[in-house]
Amino acid sequence: MQAHLKAGEKLLGTYQASSSITSRWMSAYNDSTLVQNLNLPGTHDSLTWSVSAVLSPFVQTQDITLFQQLNNGVRFVDLRIGIVSEKLRLFHASYQLSSSVELVDIFWGLYHWLDQNPTETVLVSVKVDNGNSTAALQRQVYDLMNGPEVSDYWVHNTTLPALGDARHKLIPILRLTMDPNNIPDYKPFGLNLARGWKDNNANISIKYDYDADNNYRQVVYVQDLYNPDADDEEAAINKKYEVLTTHLNRSVATGFENTNKWYIGFASGYNGVLTTPKQLALGSTIPRTVGVNTLIRPYLQSNRGSYFGVIMFDFIGSDQRLINATLGWETSWGTKTFTITSPILSAMIVIVAPLLVF
């Protein structure tokens, strides 16, 4: 494991243990809680935090390491891959994030984090960003998630499990085709969401988990309008905020107790060459704009105690309150008092954490 941690350090960061409640917030939930009924903070293109300054405007989407994201409460990560010299490497679109780090190194980093935080689960989305989902690529991804040495670190359901069955495990969210004909010993696993995920779309619905009669039992609703194609930065931010809140209004109306609907909403994006991911997320000083991250936090706070599903952020390190608000926590400035309330929590927990910095 240590060899993989060292090899992956450029994209994982350096692991440091955390005593914060954000590193173990799932411990407050009963084992019977369905993962689809949890509010989950996530990061879009999770590994782009170390992109060079020259390339950062349109490649960088995060500002803290993967380990920091997890310690801060993120539980849905987004990995983009491609094959280079027969090895699975990490990408953002066609840009290779590292010439040396492999997907296997990132997975071992996640295993290490789970070993230190065994009450938690992490959902891992894998998408091909460079090249195609070839037979060789599919076989490598399958083997990395199903090999005997690591199989126990993965949930092998084709739907989202109860939390008790997912603790100390990763849940694969497959945004790539997995053709059984390319994998002789193939056994169905993970949530296969590749088919039906429409490009740059604000209202996607994907049916999955079919029974023996080919009737679907689960559906996920996705908002992934990543390029609003607006006239300027302010219009792009407003359009993105509008489609995100429309999506969240639907999840709020669905509520925590549903058993067959799941929601994933992206707060991330850009606007052609006019607005970078950082500007869309955080806004600008010239011209003066307020980014989506700042706009969405009051919405989340005003709907505290509601069901949001997964919310995928860019530059999540800019404001810890985004994670807290997604989780339904009430935060106060100065001495940080977290009140965790939800109808599916095993208890109400109030924690004073004066050392956390927002």
Protein backbone atom coordinates (compact mmCIF):
# COMPACT_ATOMS: atom_id res chain seq x y z
CA MET A 1 0.00 0.00 0.00
CA GLN A 2 2.74 2.49 0.90
CA ALA A 3 4.23 2.20 -2.58
CA HIS A 4 0.88 3.20 -4.10
CA LEU A 5 0.44 6.09 -1.66
CA LYS A 6 3.86 7.40 -2.63
CA ALA A 7 3.25 6.87 -6.34
CA GLY A 8 -0.14 8.61 -6.19
CA GLU A 9 0.87 11.50 -3.94
CA LYS A 10 0.73 14.09 -6.74
CA LEU A 11 -3.01 13.50 -7.14
CA LEU A 12 -3.98 12.04 -3.75
CA GLY A 13 -2.05 14.49 -1.61
CA THR A 14 -0.39 13.38 1.61
CA TYR A 15 -2.63 11.58 4.06
CA GLN A 16 -3.05 13.18 7.47
CA ALA A 17 -5.37 11.75 10.09
CA SER A 18 -8.29 13.96 11.07
CA SER A 19 -10.21 14.06 14.33
CA SER A 20 -12.95 16.23 12.83
CA ILE A 21 -16.54 14.96 12.77
CA THR A 22 -16.46 15.60 9.02
CA SER A 23 -14.12 12.62 8.57
CA ARG A 24 -16.60 10.26 10.23
CA TRP A 25 -20.02 11.86 9.84
CA MET A 26 -21.62 8.63 8.61
CA SER A 27 -21.05 7.10 12.04
CA ALA A 28 -24.15 8.99 13.21
CA TYR A 29 -26.42 7.02 10.86
CA ASN A 30 -28.04 3.64 11.44
CA ASP A 31 -26.79 0.70 9.38
CA SER A 32 -30.29 0.35 7.90
CA THR A 33 -30.12 3.80 6.27
CA LEU A 34 -30.19 3.52 2.48
CA VAL A 35 -27.22 5.23 0.82
CA GLN A 36 -29.59 6.77 -1.75
CA ASN A 37 -31.38 8.52 1.13
CA LEU A 38 -28.23 10.30 2.32
CA ASN A 39 -27.22 13.82 1.39
CA LEU A 40 -23.75 13.42 -0.10
CA PRO A 41 -21.27 16.23 -0.83
CA GLY A 42 -19.25 15.41 -3.94
CA THR A 43 -16.50 16.88 -6.10
CA HIS A 44 -16.44 17.14 -9.88
CA ASP A 45 -13.12 16.12 -11.47
CA SER A 46 -11.80 15.43 -8.00
CA LEU A 47 -8.09 15.15 -8.83
CA THR A 48 -7.43 18.47 -10.57
CA TRP A 49 -6.20 20.36 -7.50
CA SER A 50 -2.50 20.21 -8.49
CA VAL A 51 -2.76 21.45 -12.09
CA SER A 52 -0.03 23.94 -13.04
CA ALA A 53 -0.89 27.64 -13.03
CA VAL A 54 -0.47 27.91 -16.79
CA LEU A 55 -3.12 25.28 -17.46
CA SER A 56 -5.32 25.89 -14.45
CA PRO A 57 -7.96 28.29 -15.86
CA PHE A 58 -9.88 25.57 -17.75
CA VAL A 59 -8.39 22.39 -16.26
CA GLN A 60 -8.41 22.98 -12.50
CA THR A 61 -11.71 22.38 -10.73
CA GLN A 62 -10.56 21.66 -7.16
CA ASP A 63 -8.39 23.50 -4.65
CA ILE A 64 -7.69 20.88 -1.98
CA THR A 65 -6.23 17.36 -2.15
CA LEU A 66 -8.36 14.25 -2.44
CA PHE A 67 -7.48 13.24 1.12
CA GLN A 68 -8.49 16.70 2.36
CA GLN A 69 -11.78 16.46 0.48
CA LEU A 70 -12.58 13.18 2.21
CA ASN A 71 -11.53 14.46 5.64
CA ASN A 72 -13.74 17.52 5.09
CA GLY A 73 -16.81 15.35 4.42
CA VAL A 74 -16.87 14.61 0.67
CA ARG A 75 -18.28 11.14 -0.03
CA PHE A 76 -18.69 11.13 -3.83
CA VAL A 77 -15.58 11.46 -6.00
CA ASP A 78 -15.31 11.80 -9.76
CA LEU A 79 -12.41 10.11 -11.56
CA ARG A 80 -11.74 10.54 -15.30
CA ILE A 81 -9.50 8.03 -17.04
CA GLY A 82 -7.84 6.92 -20.26
CA ILE A 83 -5.26 4.34 -21.36
CA VAL A 84 -1.67 5.42 -21.96
CA SER A 85 0.93 2.75 -22.77
CA GLU A 86 -1.51 0.07 -21.58
CA LYS A 87 -1.93 1.70 -18.15
CA LEU A 88 -4.98 3.50 -16.76
CA ARG A 89 -4.08 7.14 -16.22
CA LEU A 90 -6.05 10.12 -14.89
CA PHE A 91 -7.40 12.89 -17.09
CA HIS A 92 -9.56 15.98 -17.25
CA ALA A 93 -10.94 15.87 -20.78
CA SER A 94 -7.86 15.26 -22.95
CA TYR A 95 -5.39 16.67 -20.41
CA GLN A 96 -3.39 14.02 -18.53
CA LEU A 97 -3.15 15.03 -14.88
CA SER A 98 0.06 13.09 -14.22
CA SER A 99 2.50 11.13 -16.35
CA SER A 100 3.19 8.71 -13.51
CA VAL A 101 0.08 8.27 -11.34
CA GLU A 102 -2.18 5.33 -12.23
CA LEU A 103 -5.80 4.64 -11.36
CA VAL A 104 -4.67 1.77 -9.13
CA ASP A 105 -2.71 4.26 -6.99
CA ILE A 106 -5.84 6.35 -6.47
CA PHE A 107 -7.84 3.28 -5.48
CA TRP A 108 -5.20 2.29 -2.91
CA GLY A 109 -5.33 5.81 -1.54
CA LEU A 110 -9.08 5.41 -1.07
CA TYR A 111 -8.56 2.00 0.60
CA HIS A 112 -6.09 3.58 2.99
CA TRP A 113 -8.52 6.38 3.87
CA LEU A 114 -11.28 3.83 4.52
CA ASP A 115 -8.95 1.80 6.73
CA GLN A 116 -8.54 4.89 8.90
CA ASN A 117 -12.26 5.77 8.75
CA PRO A 118 -14.10 2.41 8.70
CA THR A 119 -17.55 3.84 9.45
CA GLU A 120 -17.59 5.61 6.08
CA THR A 121 -18.32 4.71 2.46
CA VAL A 122 -17.22 6.58 -0.66
CA LEU A 123 -19.01 6.52 -4.00
CA VAL A 124 -16.49 6.42 -6.86
CA SER A 125 -17.59 7.56 -10.30
CA VAL A 126 -15.33 6.39 -13.15
CA LYS A 127 -15.67 7.89 -16.64
CA VAL A 128 -13.52 7.64 -19.76
CA ASP A 129 -12.41 11.17 -20.69
CA ASN A 130 -9.55 10.34 -23.05
CA GLY A 131 -10.12 7.84 -25.83
CA ASN A 132 -12.81 5.18 -25.86
CA SER A 133 -14.07 2.49 -23.52
CA THR A 134 -12.09 -0.24 -25.23
CA ALA A 135 -12.13 -3.91 -24.32
CA ALA A 136 -8.69 -3.56 -22.73
CA LEU A 137 -9.79 -0.59 -20.64
CA GLN A 138 -12.96 -2.33 -19.48
CA ARG A 139 -11.03 -5.41 -18.47
CA GLN A 140 -8.53 -3.37 -16.45
CA VAL A 141 -11.24 -1.44 -14.61
CA TYR A 142 -13.11 -4.66 -13.87
CA ASP A 143 -9.99 -6.38 -12.55
CA LEU A 144 -9.05 -3.40 -10.36
CA MET A 145 -12.45 -3.52 -8.66
CA ASN A 146 -12.89 -7.30 -8.50
CA GLY A 147 -9.39 -8.72 -7.92
CA PRO A 148 -9.10 -11.04 -4.91
CA GLU A 149 -6.71 -8.71 -3.08
CA VAL A 150 -9.13 -5.76 -3.12
CA SER A 151 -12.58 -7.23 -3.69
CA ASP A 152 -13.59 -6.71 -0.05
CA TYR A 153 -13.05 -2.96 -0.45
CA TRP A 154 -15.86 -2.75 -3.03
CA VAL A 155 -19.65 -3.06 -2.91
CA HIS A 156 -20.65 -5.48 -5.67
CA ASN A 157 -24.37 -4.68 -5.77
CA THR A 158 -25.99 -3.34 -8.95
CA THR A 159 -27.94 -0.87 -6.84
CA LEU A 160 -27.18 1.33 -3.86
CA PRO A 161 -26.99 -0.67 -0.62
CA ALA A 162 -27.87 0.04 2.97
CA LEU A 163 -25.11 1.91 4.77
CA GLY A 164 -24.30 -1.07 6.98
CA ASP A 165 -23.37 -3.07 3.87
CA ALA A 166 -21.21 -0.24 2.52
CA ARG A 167 -19.12 0.85 5.49
CA HIS A 168 -15.36 0.54 4.88
CA LYS A 169 -16.14 0.03 1.17
CA LEU A 170 -16.24 1.90 -2.12
CA ILE A 171 -19.39 1.98 -4.25
CA PRO A 172 -18.64 1.93 -8.01
CA ILE A 173 -20.61 4.36 -10.17
CA LEU A 174 -19.77 3.32 -13.73
CA ARG A 175 -20.01 6.03 -16.38
CA LEU A 176 -18.34 3.74 -18.89
CA THR A 177 -19.66 0.81 -20.86
CA MET A 178 -18.83 -2.59 -19.40
CA ASP A 179 -19.50 -5.18 -22.12
CA PRO A 180 -19.63 -8.73 -20.65
CA ASN A 181 -18.29 -10.03 -23.98
CA ASN A 182 -15.02 -8.22 -23.23
CA ILE A 183 -14.70 -9.78 -19.77
CA PRO A 184 -14.93 -13.60 -19.83
CA ASP A 185 -15.50 -13.98 -16.08
CA TYR A 186 -17.80 -10.97 -15.83
CA LYS A 187 -20.29 -10.75 -12.99
CA PRO A 188 -22.62 -7.71 -12.80
CA PHE A 189 -21.46 -5.10 -10.31
CA GLY A 190 -21.81 -1.40 -9.62
CA LEU A 191 -24.32 1.12 -10.86
CA ASN A 192 -23.98 1.30 -14.63
CA LEU A 193 -25.11 4.80 -15.56
CA ALA A 194 -23.23 5.18 -18.86
CA ARG A 195 -26.25 4.61 -21.05
CA GLY A 196 -28.72 7.42 -20.77
CA TRP A 197 -26.33 10.04 -19.33
CA LYS A 198 -27.05 12.76 -21.89
CA ASP A 199 -24.30 15.27 -22.58
CA ASN A 200 -24.64 18.78 -21.13
CA ASN A 201 -28.22 18.24 -20.03
CA ALA A 202 -30.17 19.70 -17.13
CA ASN A 203 -32.80 16.99 -16.81
CA ILE A 204 -31.50 13.43 -17.19
CA SER A 205 -33.26 10.32 -15.93
CA ILE A 206 -31.54 6.93 -16.03
CA LYS A 207 -33.29 3.69 -15.19
CA TYR A 208 -31.15 0.94 -13.69
CA ASP A 209 -31.37 -2.23 -11.60
CA TYR A 210 -33.75 -4.29 -13.73
CA ASP A 211 -35.53 -7.40 -12.47
CA ALA A 212 -35.78 -10.77 -14.26
CA ASP A 213 -38.70 -9.46 -16.34
CA ASN A 214 -36.65 -6.44 -17.45
CA ASN A 215 -38.66 -4.03 -15.32
CA TYR A 216 -36.57 -1.29 -13.76
CA ARG A 217 -36.59 -0.89 -9.99
CA GLN A 218 -34.48 2.25 -9.60
CA VAL A 219 -34.09 5.58 -11.36
CA VAL A 220 -31.52 8.35 -10.92
CA TYR A 221 -32.25 11.96 -11.86
CA VAL A 222 -29.18 13.93 -12.92
CA GLN A 223 -28.62 17.63 -13.55
CA ASP A 224 -25.36 17.96 -15.52
CA LEU A 225 -25.63 21.15 -17.55
CA TYR A 226 -21.92 21.94 -17.45
CA ASN A 227 -21.86 24.59 -20.20
CA PRO A 228 -24.82 27.00 -19.98
CA ASP A 229 -23.69 28.69 -23.24
CA ALA A 230 -24.75 32.11 -21.95
CA ASP A 231 -23.84 35.57 -23.24
CA ASP A 232 -21.57 36.47 -20.32
CA GLU A 233 -20.30 35.31 -16.95
CA GLU A 234 -23.18 36.63 -14.87
CA ALA A 235 -25.77 35.08 -17.20
CA ALA A 236 -23.92 31.75 -17.10
CA ILE A 237 -23.83 31.73 -13.29
CA ASN A 238 -27.51 32.62 -13.08
CA LYS A 239 -28.47 29.91 -15.59
CA LYS A 240 -26.45 27.30 -13.72
CA TYR A 241 -27.97 28.34 -10.40
CA GLU A 242 -31.47 28.17 -11.93
CA VAL A 243 -31.10 24.62 -13.27
CA LEU A 244 -29.44 23.44 -10.05
CA THR A 245 -32.19 24.80 -7.81
CA THR A 246 -34.87 23.40 -10.14
CA HIS A 247 -33.25 19.99 -9.77
CA LEU A 248 -32.93 20.37 -5.98
CA ASN A 249 -36.57 21.43 -5.68
CA ARG A 250 -37.47 18.04 -7.16
CA SER A 251 -35.29 16.14 -4.71
CA VAL A 252 -36.67 18.17 -1.79
CA ALA A 253 -40.19 17.31 -2.91
CA THR A 254 -39.26 13.60 -3.14
CA GLY A 255 -38.04 13.46 0.46
CA PHE A 256 -35.87 11.09 2.47
CA GLU A 257 -38.23 8.13 2.61
CA ASN A 258 -38.26 7.24 -1.09
CA THR A 259 -36.89 3.82 -1.98
CA ASN A 260 -36.44 3.97 -5.77
CA LYS A 261 -35.33 7.51 -6.68
CA TRP A 262 -31.87 9.04 -6.44
CA TYR A 263 -30.64 12.52 -7.34
CA ILE A 264 -27.26 13.85 -8.53
CA GLY A 265 -26.92 17.59 -9.15
CA PHE A 266 -23.80 19.34 -10.44
CA ALA A 267 -22.99 22.84 -9.19
CA SER A 268 -19.93 22.78 -11.47
CA GLY A 269 -19.36 24.02 -15.00
CA TYR A 270 -17.87 26.65 -17.28
CA ASN A 271 -19.19 28.88 -20.06
CA GLY A 272 -17.28 28.29 -23.27
CA VAL A 273 -14.18 30.51 -23.33
CA LEU A 274 -15.97 33.28 -21.45
CA THR A 275 -16.12 31.79 -17.96
CA THR A 276 -13.70 29.37 -16.31
CA PRO A 277 -14.78 26.69 -13.79
CA LYS A 278 -13.32 28.84 -11.01
CA GLN A 279 -15.24 31.92 -12.11
CA LEU A 280 -18.50 29.97 -12.37
CA ALA A 281 -17.98 28.49 -8.89
CA LEU A 282 -16.51 31.48 -7.06
CA GLY A 283 -17.37 34.52 -9.15
CA SER A 284 -15.05 37.37 -10.13
CA THR A 285 -14.04 40.80 -8.91
CA ILE A 286 -13.86 42.35 -12.41
CA PRO A 287 -16.62 42.28 -13.48
CA ARG A 288 -18.18 41.80 -10.06
CA THR A 289 -20.06 38.48 -10.02
CA VAL A 290 -21.17 36.10 -7.27
CA GLY A 291 -20.45 32.44 -8.05
CA VAL A 292 -22.69 29.41 -7.86
CA ASN A 293 -21.05 28.18 -4.63
CA THR A 294 -21.97 31.41 -2.85
CA LEU A 295 -25.48 31.49 -4.34
CA ILE A 296 -26.39 27.90 -3.51
CA ARG A 297 -25.37 27.93 0.16
CA PRO A 298 -28.33 30.07 1.35
CA TYR A 299 -30.67 27.79 -0.61
CA LEU A 300 -29.27 24.73 1.16
CA GLN A 301 -29.38 26.43 4.55
CA SER A 302 -32.97 27.57 4.06
CA ASN A 303 -33.94 23.99 3.16
CA ARG A 304 -32.04 22.47 6.04
CA GLY A 305 -33.44 19.06 6.95
CA SER A 306 -34.50 18.35 3.36
CA TYR A 307 -33.36 15.68 0.93
CA PHE A 308 -30.86 16.85 -1.71
CA GLY A 309 -29.15 13.63 -2.78
CA VAL A 310 -25.65 14.16 -4.22
CA ILE A 311 -24.35 17.67 -4.96
CA MET A 312 -21.16 17.87 -7.00
CA PHE A 313 -19.04 20.99 -6.39
CA ASP A 314 -16.03 22.67 -7.95
CA PHE A 315 -13.51 24.37 -5.64
CA ILE A 316 -15.11 22.84 -2.59
CA GLY A 317 -12.21 23.92 -0.40
CA SER A 318 -13.27 27.54 -0.80
CA ASP A 319 -15.99 27.26 1.84
CA GLN A 320 -16.47 24.36 4.29
CA ARG A 321 -20.02 25.59 4.83
CA LEU A 322 -20.97 24.12 1.44
CA ILE A 323 -20.35 20.63 2.80
CA ASN A 324 -22.02 21.41 6.12
CA ALA A 325 -25.09 22.86 4.39
CA THR A 326 -25.34 19.85 2.07
CA LEU A 327 -25.30 17.58 5.11
CA GLY A 328 -28.01 19.63 6.78
CA TRP A 329 -25.75 20.96 9.51
CA GLU A 330 -26.29 24.34 11.09
CA THR A 331 -23.03 26.28 11.37
CA SER A 332 -22.26 29.41 13.36
CA TRP A 333 -19.23 31.62 12.93
CA GLY A 334 -16.42 31.71 15.52
CA THR A 335 -16.96 28.66 17.68
CA LYS A 336 -18.27 26.16 15.17
CA THR A 337 -21.38 24.44 16.46
CA PHE A 338 -22.75 21.68 14.24
CA THR A 339 -26.29 20.52 14.80
CA ILE A 340 -26.98 17.44 12.69
CA THR A 341 -30.68 16.91 12.11
CA SER A 342 -32.40 14.49 9.79
CA PRO A 343 -35.39 12.16 10.10
CA ILE A 344 -33.12 9.20 9.30
CA LEU A 345 -30.37 9.90 11.82
CA SER A 346 -29.99 7.59 14.76
CA ALA A 347 -29.62 10.60 17.06
CA MET A 348 -29.07 14.35 17.17
CA ILE A 349 -25.44 15.23 17.66
CA VAL A 350 -24.16 18.63 18.69
CA ILE A 351 -20.42 19.07 18.39
CA VAL A 352 -18.38 22.13 19.18
CA ALA A 353 -15.27 22.19 16.99
CA PRO A 354 -13.32 25.39 17.62
CA LEU A 355 -10.34 24.17 15.60
CA LEU A 356 -12.13 23.85 12.28
CA VAL A 357 -11.45 26.68 9.87
CA PHE A 358 -14.04 27.86 7.34
